[in-house]
Amino acid sequence: MKTLLYRSDAVALLPFSALADICVRSARKNRTLGITGFLVEHEGTFLQILEGESDAVLALFERIEADTRHTNVTVTLCHDSGPDRSFGFWAMNVGPLDDPSFWTGDFAGLRRAGEFRSRSRDPDVALAVLRRAYEFAVTLAGKNEVIANFIRGGHP
């Protein structure tokens, strides 16, 4: 299993509805490829993690990297992991970072766009943001039918 985390900068800010649409289309494709993933966007900075069979993840990342809606695409983490997925609940989903409770504790300083953009280059910070947003989204999944439609596996 391959785990790949990247960050990038949006060419133009996208509304949440456009991000959700991207995730719906990606979830359909990822299901057939055996890939799971999670995406967050904050003030034009994207963080995304992908998990799956190595060739499938790397081929998908090549397509993502060529997408003209973002620039400065940088892999911050890429490794072979064990058989278990850390982000296996969805084939793909996007986690909005608009809940004020997200930006507390260690994440309080990241709310400013410049700070988020800068510090998200650090793989530990990027992974921590994705994990926190993922856990929040998983909690909501049982309460929201739209989110539940993205589910691939069982509750982590």
N, C-alpha and C. Protein backbone atom coordinates (compact mmCIF):
# COMPACT_ATOMS: atom_id res chain seq x y z
N MET A 1 0.84 -1.17 0.00
CA MET A 1 0.00 0.00 0.00
C MET A 1 0.89 1.24 0.00
N LYS A 2 0.52 2.22 -0.81
CA LYS A 2 1.24 3.49 -0.91
C LYS A 2 0.40 4.58 -0.25
N THR A 3 1.06 5.43 0.53
CA THR A 3 0.44 6.62 1.10
C THR A 3 1.17 7.82 0.52
N LEU A 4 0.41 8.75 -0.07
CA LEU A 4 0.99 9.94 -0.67
C LEU A 4 0.21 11.16 -0.19
N LEU A 5 0.93 12.15 0.33
CA LEU A 5 0.33 13.39 0.78
C LEU A 5 0.99 14.52 -0.01
N TYR A 6 0.17 15.40 -0.56
CA TYR A 6 0.72 16.55 -1.26
C TYR A 6 -0.01 17.81 -0.84
N ARG A 7 0.63 18.94 -1.12
CA ARG A 7 0.01 20.26 -0.92
C ARG A 7 0.18 21.02 -2.21
N SER A 8 -0.75 21.95 -2.43
CA SER A 8 -0.69 22.79 -3.62
C SER A 8 -1.44 24.08 -3.35
N ASP A 9 -1.29 25.02 -4.28
CA ASP A 9 -1.96 26.32 -4.17
C ASP A 9 -2.96 26.46 -5.31
N ALA A 10 -4.16 26.90 -4.98
CA ALA A 10 -5.19 27.10 -6.00
C ALA A 10 -4.81 28.25 -6.91
N VAL A 11 -5.10 28.10 -8.19
CA VAL A 11 -4.91 29.19 -9.13
C VAL A 11 -5.98 30.26 -8.87
N ALA A 12 -7.19 29.81 -8.58
CA ALA A 12 -8.30 30.69 -8.20
C ALA A 12 -9.08 29.98 -7.11
N LEU A 13 -9.60 30.73 -6.16
CA LEU A 13 -10.38 30.13 -5.08
C LEU A 13 -11.63 29.45 -5.66
N LEU A 14 -11.90 28.25 -5.18
CA LEU A 14 -13.07 27.49 -5.61
C LEU A 14 -14.11 27.50 -4.51
N PRO A 15 -15.38 27.64 -4.86
CA PRO A 15 -16.42 27.52 -3.83
C PRO A 15 -16.50 26.07 -3.34
N PHE A 16 -17.02 25.91 -2.13
CA PHE A 16 -17.11 24.56 -1.58
C PHE A 16 -17.91 23.63 -2.49
N SER A 17 -18.92 24.15 -3.16
CA SER A 17 -19.72 23.30 -4.06
C SER A 17 -18.86 22.72 -5.18
N ALA A 18 -17.89 23.47 -5.68
CA ALA A 18 -16.99 22.96 -6.73
C ALA A 18 -16.07 21.88 -6.16
N LEU A 19 -15.59 22.08 -4.94
CA LEU A 19 -14.76 21.05 -4.30
C LEU A 19 -15.56 19.78 -4.06
N ALA A 20 -16.79 19.93 -3.62
CA ALA A 20 -17.65 18.76 -3.39
C ALA A 20 -17.90 18.01 -4.69
N ASP A 21 -18.09 18.75 -5.79
CA ASP A 21 -18.29 18.12 -7.09
C ASP A 21 -17.05 17.34 -7.52
N ILE A 22 -15.89 17.92 -7.32
CA ILE A 22 -14.63 17.22 -7.63
C ILE A 22 -14.56 15.92 -6.83
N CYS A 23 -14.93 15.99 -5.56
CA CYS A 23 -14.87 14.80 -4.71
C CYS A 23 -15.87 13.72 -5.14
N VAL A 24 -17.05 14.13 -5.57
CA VAL A 24 -18.04 13.14 -6.03
C VAL A 24 -17.49 12.39 -7.24
N ARG A 25 -16.95 13.13 -8.21
CA ARG A 25 -16.40 12.48 -9.40
C ARG A 25 -15.18 11.64 -9.05
N SER A 26 -14.33 12.15 -8.16
CA SER A 26 -13.13 11.42 -7.76
C SER A 26 -13.48 10.15 -6.99
N ALA A 27 -14.50 10.23 -6.13
CA ALA A 27 -14.90 9.06 -5.35
C ALA A 27 -15.32 7.92 -6.26
N ARG A 28 -16.07 8.24 -7.31
CA ARG A 28 -16.49 7.19 -8.25
C ARG A 28 -15.29 6.52 -8.89
N LYS A 29 -14.34 7.32 -9.36
CA LYS A 29 -13.14 6.77 -10.01
C LYS A 29 -12.26 6.02 -9.01
N ASN A 30 -12.09 6.61 -7.83
CA ASN A 30 -11.21 6.00 -6.84
C ASN A 30 -11.73 4.65 -6.37
N ARG A 31 -13.05 4.51 -6.27
CA ARG A 31 -13.62 3.22 -5.86
C ARG A 31 -13.16 2.10 -6.81
N THR A 32 -13.18 2.38 -8.11
CA THR A 32 -12.77 1.35 -9.08
C THR A 32 -11.28 1.08 -9.01
N LEU A 33 -10.49 2.06 -8.57
CA LEU A 33 -9.04 1.91 -8.48
C LEU A 33 -8.58 1.38 -7.12
N GLY A 34 -9.50 1.28 -6.16
CA GLY A 34 -9.13 0.83 -4.82
C GLY A 34 -8.38 1.90 -4.03
N ILE A 35 -8.60 3.16 -4.36
CA ILE A 35 -7.92 4.27 -3.70
C ILE A 35 -8.87 4.94 -2.73
N THR A 36 -8.34 5.31 -1.57
CA THR A 36 -9.07 6.14 -0.63
C THR A 36 -8.33 7.45 -0.46
N GLY A 37 -9.05 8.47 -0.01
CA GLY A 37 -8.38 9.76 0.14
C GLY A 37 -9.21 10.78 0.86
N PHE A 38 -8.55 11.87 1.16
CA PHE A 38 -9.19 12.97 1.87
C PHE A 38 -8.50 14.26 1.47
N LEU A 39 -9.30 15.32 1.33
CA LEU A 39 -8.82 16.61 0.84
C LEU A 39 -9.30 17.71 1.77
N VAL A 40 -8.44 18.68 2.04
CA VAL A 40 -8.86 19.90 2.71
C VAL A 40 -8.34 21.08 1.90
N GLU A 41 -9.07 22.18 2.02
CA GLU A 41 -8.66 23.43 1.37
C GLU A 41 -8.86 24.54 2.38
N HIS A 42 -7.85 25.41 2.47
CA HIS A 42 -7.97 26.58 3.35
C HIS A 42 -7.35 27.78 2.66
N GLU A 43 -8.21 28.76 2.35
CA GLU A 43 -7.76 30.01 1.74
C GLU A 43 -6.84 29.78 0.53
N GLY A 44 -7.20 28.78 -0.28
CA GLY A 44 -6.46 28.53 -1.52
C GLY A 44 -5.32 27.54 -1.41
N THR A 45 -5.11 26.96 -0.24
CA THR A 45 -4.08 25.92 -0.08
C THR A 45 -4.77 24.58 0.05
N PHE A 46 -4.37 23.63 -0.78
CA PHE A 46 -4.91 22.27 -0.74
C PHE A 46 -3.94 21.34 -0.03
N LEU A 47 -4.49 20.43 0.76
CA LEU A 47 -3.77 19.28 1.28
C LEU A 47 -4.60 18.07 0.93
N GLN A 48 -3.95 17.05 0.38
CA GLN A 48 -4.68 15.83 0.04
C GLN A 48 -3.82 14.63 0.33
N ILE A 49 -4.47 13.59 0.85
CA ILE A 49 -3.79 12.31 1.08
C ILE A 49 -4.49 11.24 0.26
N LEU A 50 -3.70 10.36 -0.32
CA LEU A 50 -4.19 9.24 -1.13
C LEU A 50 -3.58 7.95 -0.59
N GLU A 51 -4.38 6.89 -0.57
CA GLU A 51 -3.89 5.58 -0.14
C GLU A 51 -4.39 4.52 -1.10
N GLY A 52 -3.53 3.58 -1.41
CA GLY A 52 -3.92 2.48 -2.28
C GLY A 52 -2.71 1.76 -2.84
N GLU A 53 -2.97 0.92 -3.81
CA GLU A 53 -1.90 0.17 -4.47
C GLU A 53 -0.96 1.18 -5.13
N SER A 54 0.33 0.94 -5.02
CA SER A 54 1.35 1.91 -5.42
C SER A 54 1.18 2.43 -6.84
N ASP A 55 1.04 1.54 -7.81
CA ASP A 55 0.92 1.99 -9.21
C ASP A 55 -0.32 2.85 -9.42
N ALA A 56 -1.42 2.48 -8.78
CA ALA A 56 -2.67 3.24 -8.94
C ALA A 56 -2.54 4.62 -8.31
N VAL A 57 -1.94 4.71 -7.13
CA VAL A 57 -1.78 6.01 -6.46
C VAL A 57 -0.85 6.91 -7.27
N LEU A 58 0.26 6.37 -7.74
CA LEU A 58 1.20 7.20 -8.49
C LEU A 58 0.62 7.66 -9.82
N ALA A 59 -0.14 6.79 -10.49
CA ALA A 59 -0.79 7.19 -11.75
C ALA A 59 -1.83 8.28 -11.50
N LEU A 60 -2.61 8.13 -10.43
CA LEU A 60 -3.60 9.16 -10.07
C LEU A 60 -2.90 10.47 -9.75
N PHE A 61 -1.82 10.40 -9.00
CA PHE A 61 -1.12 11.63 -8.64
C PHE A 61 -0.58 12.34 -9.88
N GLU A 62 -0.13 11.61 -10.87
CA GLU A 62 0.32 12.25 -12.12
C GLU A 62 -0.80 13.06 -12.75
N ARG A 63 -2.02 12.52 -12.74
CA ARG A 63 -3.17 13.27 -13.29
C ARG A 63 -3.49 14.49 -12.42
N ILE A 64 -3.44 14.32 -11.11
CA ILE A 64 -3.70 15.43 -10.20
C ILE A 64 -2.66 16.53 -10.41
N GLU A 65 -1.41 16.14 -10.53
CA GLU A 65 -0.32 17.10 -10.69
C GLU A 65 -0.48 17.94 -11.97
N ALA A 66 -1.07 17.34 -13.00
CA ALA A 66 -1.27 18.04 -14.28
C ALA A 66 -2.50 18.94 -14.29
N ASP A 67 -3.34 18.87 -13.25
CA ASP A 67 -4.56 19.67 -13.18
C ASP A 67 -4.20 21.16 -13.12
N THR A 68 -4.75 21.94 -14.02
CA THR A 68 -4.40 23.35 -14.12
C THR A 68 -5.12 24.24 -13.09
N ARG A 69 -5.96 23.66 -12.25
CA ARG A 69 -6.64 24.45 -11.23
C ARG A 69 -5.75 24.73 -10.02
N HIS A 70 -4.58 24.11 -9.98
CA HIS A 70 -3.66 24.38 -8.88
C HIS A 70 -2.22 24.41 -9.40
N THR A 71 -1.35 24.96 -8.56
CA THR A 71 0.06 25.11 -8.91
C THR A 71 0.90 24.80 -7.66
N ASN A 72 2.22 24.81 -7.82
CA ASN A 72 3.13 24.53 -6.70
C ASN A 72 2.80 23.20 -6.03
N VAL A 73 2.50 22.19 -6.81
CA VAL A 73 2.16 20.87 -6.28
C VAL A 73 3.45 20.24 -5.73
N THR A 74 3.41 19.92 -4.44
CA THR A 74 4.59 19.38 -3.77
C THR A 74 4.21 18.17 -2.94
N VAL A 75 4.90 17.06 -3.16
CA VAL A 75 4.70 15.87 -2.33
C VAL A 75 5.42 16.11 -1.01
N THR A 76 4.67 16.02 0.08
CA THR A 76 5.28 16.21 1.40
C THR A 76 5.52 14.88 2.12
N LEU A 77 4.85 13.83 1.67
CA LEU A 77 4.99 12.52 2.28
C LEU A 77 4.64 11.48 1.23
N CYS A 78 5.49 10.49 1.06
CA CYS A 78 5.20 9.39 0.15
C CYS A 78 5.96 8.17 0.66
N HIS A 79 5.22 7.16 1.08
CA HIS A 79 5.88 5.96 1.58
C HIS A 79 4.99 4.74 1.41
N ASP A 80 5.64 3.60 1.45
CA ASP A 80 4.91 2.34 1.45
C ASP A 80 4.49 2.08 2.88
N SER A 81 3.22 1.81 3.06
CA SER A 81 2.69 1.58 4.41
C SER A 81 2.20 0.15 4.50
N GLY A 82 1.76 -0.23 5.66
CA GLY A 82 1.23 -1.57 5.86
C GLY A 82 -0.12 -1.74 5.18
N PRO A 83 -0.77 -2.85 5.43
CA PRO A 83 -2.03 -3.14 4.75
C PRO A 83 -3.21 -2.29 5.22
N ASP A 84 -3.10 -1.68 6.39
CA ASP A 84 -4.21 -0.89 6.93
C ASP A 84 -4.15 0.55 6.43
N ARG A 85 -5.32 1.11 6.18
CA ARG A 85 -5.42 2.50 5.73
C ARG A 85 -5.72 3.40 6.93
N SER A 86 -5.09 4.55 6.95
CA SER A 86 -5.38 5.54 7.99
C SER A 86 -6.53 6.44 7.58
N PHE A 87 -6.78 6.54 6.26
CA PHE A 87 -7.84 7.40 5.72
C PHE A 87 -8.75 6.56 4.81
N GLY A 88 -9.19 5.43 5.32
CA GLY A 88 -9.91 4.47 4.49
C GLY A 88 -11.42 4.55 4.53
N PHE A 89 -11.98 5.54 5.19
CA PHE A 89 -13.43 5.63 5.33
C PHE A 89 -14.11 5.99 4.02
N TRP A 90 -13.47 6.81 3.20
CA TRP A 90 -14.05 7.26 1.93
C TRP A 90 -13.14 6.96 0.76
N ALA A 91 -13.75 6.74 -0.41
CA ALA A 91 -12.97 6.69 -1.64
C ALA A 91 -12.40 8.09 -1.90
N MET A 92 -13.14 9.12 -1.52
CA MET A 92 -12.65 10.50 -1.52
C MET A 92 -13.69 11.35 -0.82
N ASN A 93 -13.21 12.33 -0.07
CA ASN A 93 -14.09 13.31 0.54
C ASN A 93 -13.30 14.57 0.80
N VAL A 94 -14.00 15.66 0.96
CA VAL A 94 -13.38 16.94 1.28
C VAL A 94 -13.84 17.34 2.67
N GLY A 95 -12.90 17.82 3.46
CA GLY A 95 -13.22 18.27 4.80
C GLY A 95 -13.18 19.78 4.89
N PRO A 96 -14.33 20.40 5.07
CA PRO A 96 -14.33 21.86 5.23
C PRO A 96 -13.69 22.25 6.56
N LEU A 97 -12.97 23.34 6.55
CA LEU A 97 -12.30 23.81 7.76
C LEU A 97 -12.99 25.05 8.31
N ASP A 98 -14.31 25.10 8.16
CA ASP A 98 -15.04 26.30 8.56
C ASP A 98 -15.62 26.23 9.97
N ASP A 99 -15.42 25.14 10.67
CA ASP A 99 -15.92 25.02 12.03
C ASP A 99 -14.91 25.69 12.98
N PRO A 100 -15.35 26.68 13.76
CA PRO A 100 -14.42 27.38 14.66
C PRO A 100 -13.69 26.45 15.63
N SER A 101 -14.31 25.33 16.00
CA SER A 101 -13.66 24.42 16.95
C SER A 101 -12.43 23.75 16.34
N PHE A 102 -12.32 23.74 15.02
CA PHE A 102 -11.13 23.16 14.38
C PHE A 102 -9.89 23.97 14.73
N TRP A 103 -10.04 25.27 14.81
CA TRP A 103 -8.92 26.20 14.94
C TRP A 103 -8.57 26.48 16.40
N THR A 104 -8.59 25.48 17.23
CA THR A 104 -8.24 25.63 18.64
C THR A 104 -6.97 24.86 18.93
N GLY A 105 -6.41 25.07 20.10
CA GLY A 105 -5.22 24.35 20.52
C GLY A 105 -4.05 24.56 19.57
N ASP A 106 -3.41 23.48 19.16
CA ASP A 106 -2.24 23.54 18.29
C ASP A 106 -2.55 24.14 16.92
N PHE A 107 -3.83 24.19 16.56
CA PHE A 107 -4.21 24.68 15.24
C PHE A 107 -4.59 26.16 15.22
N ALA A 108 -4.61 26.80 16.39
CA ALA A 108 -5.05 28.19 16.47
C ALA A 108 -4.22 29.11 15.57
N GLY A 109 -2.92 28.92 15.53
CA GLY A 109 -2.05 29.78 14.72
C GLY A 109 -2.15 29.53 13.23
N LEU A 110 -2.78 28.44 12.83
CA LEU A 110 -2.87 28.10 11.41
C LEU A 110 -4.04 28.75 10.70
N ARG A 111 -4.91 29.39 11.43
CA ARG A 111 -6.12 29.94 10.81
C ARG A 111 -5.81 31.04 9.80
N ARG A 112 -4.75 31.79 10.02
CA ARG A 112 -4.36 32.82 9.07
C ARG A 112 -3.81 32.16 7.81
N ALA A 113 -4.26 32.62 6.65
CA ALA A 113 -3.91 31.98 5.37
C ALA A 113 -2.41 31.86 5.16
N GLY A 114 -1.66 32.92 5.43
CA GLY A 114 -0.21 32.88 5.22
C GLY A 114 0.48 31.86 6.09
N GLU A 115 0.04 31.78 7.34
CA GLU A 115 0.62 30.81 8.28
C GLU A 115 0.28 29.39 7.83
N PHE A 116 -0.96 29.17 7.43
CA PHE A 116 -1.37 27.84 6.94
C PHE A 116 -0.57 27.45 5.71
N ARG A 117 -0.45 28.38 4.77
CA ARG A 117 0.28 28.12 3.53
C ARG A 117 1.73 27.75 3.83
N SER A 118 2.34 28.48 4.73
CA SER A 118 3.74 28.24 5.06
C SER A 118 3.94 26.95 5.86
N ARG A 119 3.19 26.80 6.93
CA ARG A 119 3.41 25.65 7.83
C ARG A 119 2.90 24.34 7.25
N SER A 120 1.98 24.39 6.28
CA SER A 120 1.47 23.14 5.69
C SER A 120 2.51 22.46 4.81
N ARG A 121 3.63 23.10 4.57
CA ARG A 121 4.74 22.47 3.83
C ARG A 121 5.43 21.42 4.70
N ASP A 122 5.27 21.53 6.01
CA ASP A 122 5.85 20.57 6.95
C ASP A 122 4.95 19.32 6.95
N PRO A 123 5.50 18.15 6.63
CA PRO A 123 4.66 16.94 6.56
C PRO A 123 3.93 16.62 7.85
N ASP A 124 4.55 16.89 9.00
CA ASP A 124 3.88 16.60 10.28
C ASP A 124 2.67 17.51 10.48
N VAL A 125 2.82 18.78 10.13
CA VAL A 125 1.71 19.73 10.26
C VAL A 125 0.59 19.35 9.29
N ALA A 126 0.97 19.09 8.02
CA ALA A 126 -0.04 18.73 7.01
C ALA A 126 -0.80 17.48 7.42
N LEU A 127 -0.10 16.48 7.90
CA LEU A 127 -0.74 15.24 8.32
C LEU A 127 -1.64 15.47 9.53
N ALA A 128 -1.21 16.30 10.46
CA ALA A 128 -2.03 16.60 11.64
C ALA A 128 -3.32 17.31 11.23
N VAL A 129 -3.23 18.26 10.31
CA VAL A 129 -4.42 18.96 9.83
C VAL A 129 -5.38 17.97 9.16
N LEU A 130 -4.86 17.13 8.28
CA LEU A 130 -5.70 16.16 7.59
C LEU A 130 -6.35 15.20 8.58
N ARG A 131 -5.60 14.73 9.55
CA ARG A 131 -6.17 13.79 10.54
C ARG A 131 -7.30 14.44 11.33
N ARG A 132 -7.07 15.65 11.78
CA ARG A 132 -8.10 16.32 12.58
C ARG A 132 -9.35 16.57 11.74
N ALA A 133 -9.19 17.05 10.52
CA ALA A 133 -10.34 17.30 9.65
C ALA A 133 -11.04 15.99 9.29
N TYR A 134 -10.28 14.94 9.07
CA TYR A 134 -10.83 13.63 8.74
C TYR A 134 -11.67 13.09 9.90
N GLU A 135 -11.13 13.17 11.11
CA GLU A 135 -11.87 12.68 12.28
C GLU A 135 -13.18 13.46 12.46
N PHE A 136 -13.13 14.76 12.24
CA PHE A 136 -14.33 15.59 12.34
C PHE A 136 -15.35 15.15 11.29
N ALA A 137 -14.89 14.94 10.06
CA ALA A 137 -15.80 14.54 8.97
C ALA A 137 -16.39 13.15 9.21
N VAL A 138 -15.58 12.24 9.76
CA VAL A 138 -16.08 10.89 10.06
C VAL A 138 -17.20 10.97 11.10
N THR A 139 -17.02 11.85 12.08
CA THR A 139 -18.04 12.04 13.10
C THR A 139 -19.35 12.52 12.49
N LEU A 140 -19.24 13.42 11.50
CA LEU A 140 -20.43 13.94 10.84
C LEU A 140 -21.08 12.94 9.89
N ALA A 141 -20.32 11.97 9.42
CA ALA A 141 -20.80 11.06 8.37
C ALA A 141 -22.09 10.35 8.75
N GLY A 142 -22.20 9.96 10.00
CA GLY A 142 -23.40 9.26 10.42
C GLY A 142 -24.62 10.16 10.53
N LYS A 143 -24.39 11.47 10.48
CA LYS A 143 -25.47 12.43 10.65
C LYS A 143 -25.89 13.10 9.35
N ASN A 144 -25.18 12.84 8.27
CA ASN A 144 -25.43 13.56 7.03
C ASN A 144 -25.47 12.57 5.86
N GLU A 145 -26.59 12.46 5.19
CA GLU A 145 -26.74 11.50 4.10
C GLU A 145 -25.82 11.78 2.93
N VAL A 146 -25.55 13.05 2.63
CA VAL A 146 -24.67 13.39 1.52
C VAL A 146 -23.27 12.88 1.79
N ILE A 147 -22.74 13.15 2.99
CA ILE A 147 -21.41 12.67 3.34
C ILE A 147 -21.39 11.15 3.33
N ALA A 148 -22.42 10.52 3.83
CA ALA A 148 -22.46 9.07 3.89
C ALA A 148 -22.34 8.43 2.51
N ASN A 149 -22.75 9.15 1.46
CA ASN A 149 -22.65 8.60 0.10
C ASN A 149 -21.21 8.40 -0.37
N PHE A 150 -20.26 9.03 0.29
CA PHE A 150 -18.85 8.88 -0.09
C PHE A 150 -18.20 7.67 0.57
N ILE A 151 -18.88 7.06 1.54
CA ILE A 151 -18.26 6.02 2.36
C ILE A 151 -17.83 4.82 1.53
N ARG A 152 -16.61 4.37 1.79
CA ARG A 152 -16.06 3.20 1.13
C ARG A 152 -15.98 2.03 2.11
N GLY A 153 -15.49 2.30 3.31
CA GLY A 153 -15.28 1.23 4.28
C GLY A 153 -16.05 1.49 5.55
N GLY A 154 -15.68 0.75 6.59
CA GLY A 154 -16.34 0.93 7.87
C GLY A 154 -15.76 2.10 8.64
N HIS A 155 -16.38 2.41 9.74
CA HIS A 155 -15.92 3.50 10.60
C HIS A 155 -14.52 3.16 11.12
N PRO A 156 -13.58 4.11 11.02
CA PRO A 156 -12.21 3.81 11.48
C PRO A 156 -12.13 3.63 12.99
